[in-house]
Amino acid sequence: MPRLLAIDYGTKRTGLSVTDPLQIIATALETVPTHQLLDYLKRYVASEPVEAFVVGLPTRLDGTDTDNTPRVKGFVGRLKATFPDIPVHWHDERFTSSMALQSMIASGVSKKDRRVKGNIDKVSAVIILQSFMESKR
């Protein structure tokens, strides 16, 4: 069974997570420099079947766009052009960074490792993907 792949898009780096082949559990995959993201995804999709992409949609508490929303939407346009046969789903990413940090603290991750922003990006992608899967059940 193909995997779901979640993307927590950022201007400098992007966190990625994937499901297991049975789509039961989301796990952190990688943090990729954003300028290398499409090349990374091409290599990944060539080696692993991907059923769909789940992209975190940045919005404010009132549901309006953030400063990053247009960049994410622009990326999704390029993603759809690069992978026209793989559907893209939007999922609310509000609070994922703070939830990721709290999750890391609760699981005993050292302060030094929590300061590595790429780690928070990966965990945020996991939260986005897990939340998306739960919303579909």
Protein backbone atom coordinates (compact mmCIF):
# COMPACT_ATOMS: atom_id res chain seq x y z
CA MET A 1 0.00 0.00 0.00
CA PRO A 2 1.40 3.45 -0.83
CA ARG A 3 2.37 5.91 1.86
CA LEU A 4 1.05 9.35 2.71
CA LEU A 5 3.74 12.04 2.87
CA ALA A 6 3.25 15.22 4.89
CA ILE A 7 5.01 18.49 4.22
CA ASP A 8 5.53 21.27 6.78
CA TYR A 9 6.77 23.89 4.32
CA GLY A 10 9.06 26.66 5.49
CA THR A 11 11.00 29.38 3.75
CA LYS A 12 14.39 27.93 4.78
CA ARG A 13 13.68 24.30 5.67
CA THR A 14 10.82 21.89 5.28
CA GLY A 15 9.87 19.07 7.61
CA LEU A 16 8.67 15.80 6.10
CA SER A 17 6.91 12.80 7.56
CA VAL A 18 5.47 9.60 6.11
CA THR A 19 3.14 6.83 7.07
CA ASP A 20 4.09 3.21 7.23
CA PRO A 21 2.91 1.21 4.18
CA LEU A 22 -0.35 0.31 5.97
CA GLN A 23 -0.99 4.01 6.76
CA ILE A 24 -1.35 3.41 10.49
CA ILE A 25 1.49 5.46 11.99
CA ALA A 26 3.15 8.70 10.95
CA THR A 27 6.90 8.99 11.49
CA ALA A 28 9.43 11.74 10.89
CA LEU A 29 11.25 11.39 7.60
CA GLU A 30 13.63 14.30 7.09
CA THR A 31 14.17 18.03 7.25
CA VAL A 32 15.22 19.29 3.84
CA PRO A 33 16.50 22.71 2.79
CA THR A 34 13.47 24.17 1.01
CA HIS A 35 15.41 25.00 -2.16
CA GLN A 36 16.18 21.24 -2.50
CA LEU A 37 12.68 20.03 -1.64
CA LEU A 38 11.31 19.11 -5.08
CA ASP A 39 14.49 17.22 -5.98
CA TYR A 40 14.30 15.33 -2.69
CA LEU A 41 10.64 14.45 -3.30
CA LYS A 42 11.42 13.24 -6.85
CA ARG A 43 14.02 10.83 -5.46
CA TYR A 44 11.72 9.69 -2.66
CA VAL A 45 8.71 9.09 -4.94
CA ALA A 46 10.96 7.14 -7.34
CA SER A 47 11.89 4.76 -4.50
CA GLU A 48 8.65 4.61 -2.47
CA PRO A 49 5.04 4.66 -3.68
CA VAL A 50 3.21 7.76 -2.40
CA GLU A 51 -0.60 7.82 -2.46
CA ALA A 52 -0.97 11.50 -1.55
CA PHE A 53 0.79 14.55 -0.19
CA VAL A 54 -0.58 16.31 2.88
CA VAL A 55 0.55 19.92 3.10
CA GLY A 56 0.23 22.02 6.23
CA LEU A 57 -1.80 25.16 5.51
CA PRO A 58 -0.62 28.12 7.60
CA THR A 59 -3.50 30.27 8.82
CA ARG A 60 -4.11 32.66 11.69
CA LEU A 61 -6.49 31.86 14.52
CA ASP A 62 -9.30 33.62 12.66
CA GLY A 63 -8.66 31.51 9.55
CA THR A 64 -7.07 34.26 7.47
CA ASP A 65 -3.83 33.76 5.56
CA THR A 66 -0.44 34.31 7.19
CA ASP A 67 2.55 35.90 5.48
CA ASN A 68 3.73 32.39 4.56
CA THR A 69 0.42 31.17 3.06
CA PRO A 70 1.10 32.55 -0.46
CA ARG A 71 4.54 30.86 -0.50
CA VAL A 72 3.01 27.54 0.53
CA LYS A 73 0.31 27.85 -2.12
CA GLY A 74 2.97 28.67 -4.73
CA PHE A 75 4.92 25.57 -3.69
CA VAL A 76 1.79 23.42 -3.96
CA GLY A 77 1.34 24.66 -7.53
CA ARG A 78 4.86 23.46 -8.35
CA LEU A 79 4.24 20.21 -6.45
CA LYS A 80 1.09 19.49 -8.50
CA ALA A 81 2.93 20.28 -11.73
CA THR A 82 5.80 17.96 -10.79
CA PHE A 83 3.56 15.11 -9.56
CA PRO A 84 0.29 15.48 -11.50
CA ASP A 85 -0.88 11.96 -10.60
CA ILE A 86 -0.46 12.33 -6.83
CA PRO A 87 -3.28 14.17 -5.01
CA VAL A 88 -2.46 17.00 -2.61
CA HIS A 89 -4.53 17.53 0.54
CA TRP A 90 -4.43 20.65 2.70
CA HIS A 91 -4.43 20.29 6.48
CA ASP A 92 -4.55 22.97 9.18
CA GLU A 93 -1.12 23.46 10.72
CA ARG A 94 -2.05 25.92 13.46
CA PHE A 95 -0.18 25.23 16.70
CA THR A 96 1.87 22.36 15.23
CA SER A 97 5.22 23.98 16.08
CA SER A 98 4.25 24.56 19.71
CA MET A 99 2.71 21.07 19.90
CA ALA A 100 5.93 19.64 18.44
CA LEU A 101 8.03 21.41 21.05
CA GLN A 102 5.76 20.21 23.88
CA SER A 103 5.88 16.67 22.50
CA MET A 104 9.67 16.76 22.41
CA ILE A 105 9.83 18.02 25.99
CA ALA A 106 7.39 15.32 27.15
CA SER A 107 9.40 12.59 25.46
CA GLY A 108 12.63 13.69 27.14
CA VAL A 109 14.43 15.22 24.16
CA SER A 110 17.39 17.26 25.41
CA LYS A 111 17.30 21.05 25.34
CA LYS A 112 20.20 20.99 22.87
CA ASP A 113 18.26 18.78 20.42
CA ARG A 114 15.11 20.88 20.87
CA ARG A 115 17.05 23.95 19.73
CA VAL A 116 17.71 22.29 16.37
CA LYS A 117 14.87 23.83 14.38
CA GLY A 118 14.92 21.01 11.84
CA ASN A 119 13.84 18.61 14.58
CA ILE A 120 10.79 20.73 15.35
CA ASP A 121 9.95 20.87 11.61
CA LYS A 122 10.00 17.06 11.34
CA VAL A 123 7.85 16.60 14.43
CA SER A 124 5.44 19.26 13.15
CA ALA A 125 5.10 17.29 9.91
CA VAL A 126 4.33 14.16 11.96
CA ILE A 127 1.61 16.03 13.87
CA ILE A 128 0.10 17.32 10.61
CA LEU A 129 0.06 13.82 9.13
CA GLN A 130 -1.28 12.09 12.24
CA SER A 131 -4.02 14.71 12.55
CA PHE A 132 -4.92 14.30 8.86
CA MET A 133 -5.16 10.51 9.26
CA GLU A 134 -7.34 10.85 12.36
CA SER A 135 -9.67 13.24 10.53
CA LYS A 136 -10.19 10.63 7.81
CA ARG A 137 -11.11 7.81 10.22
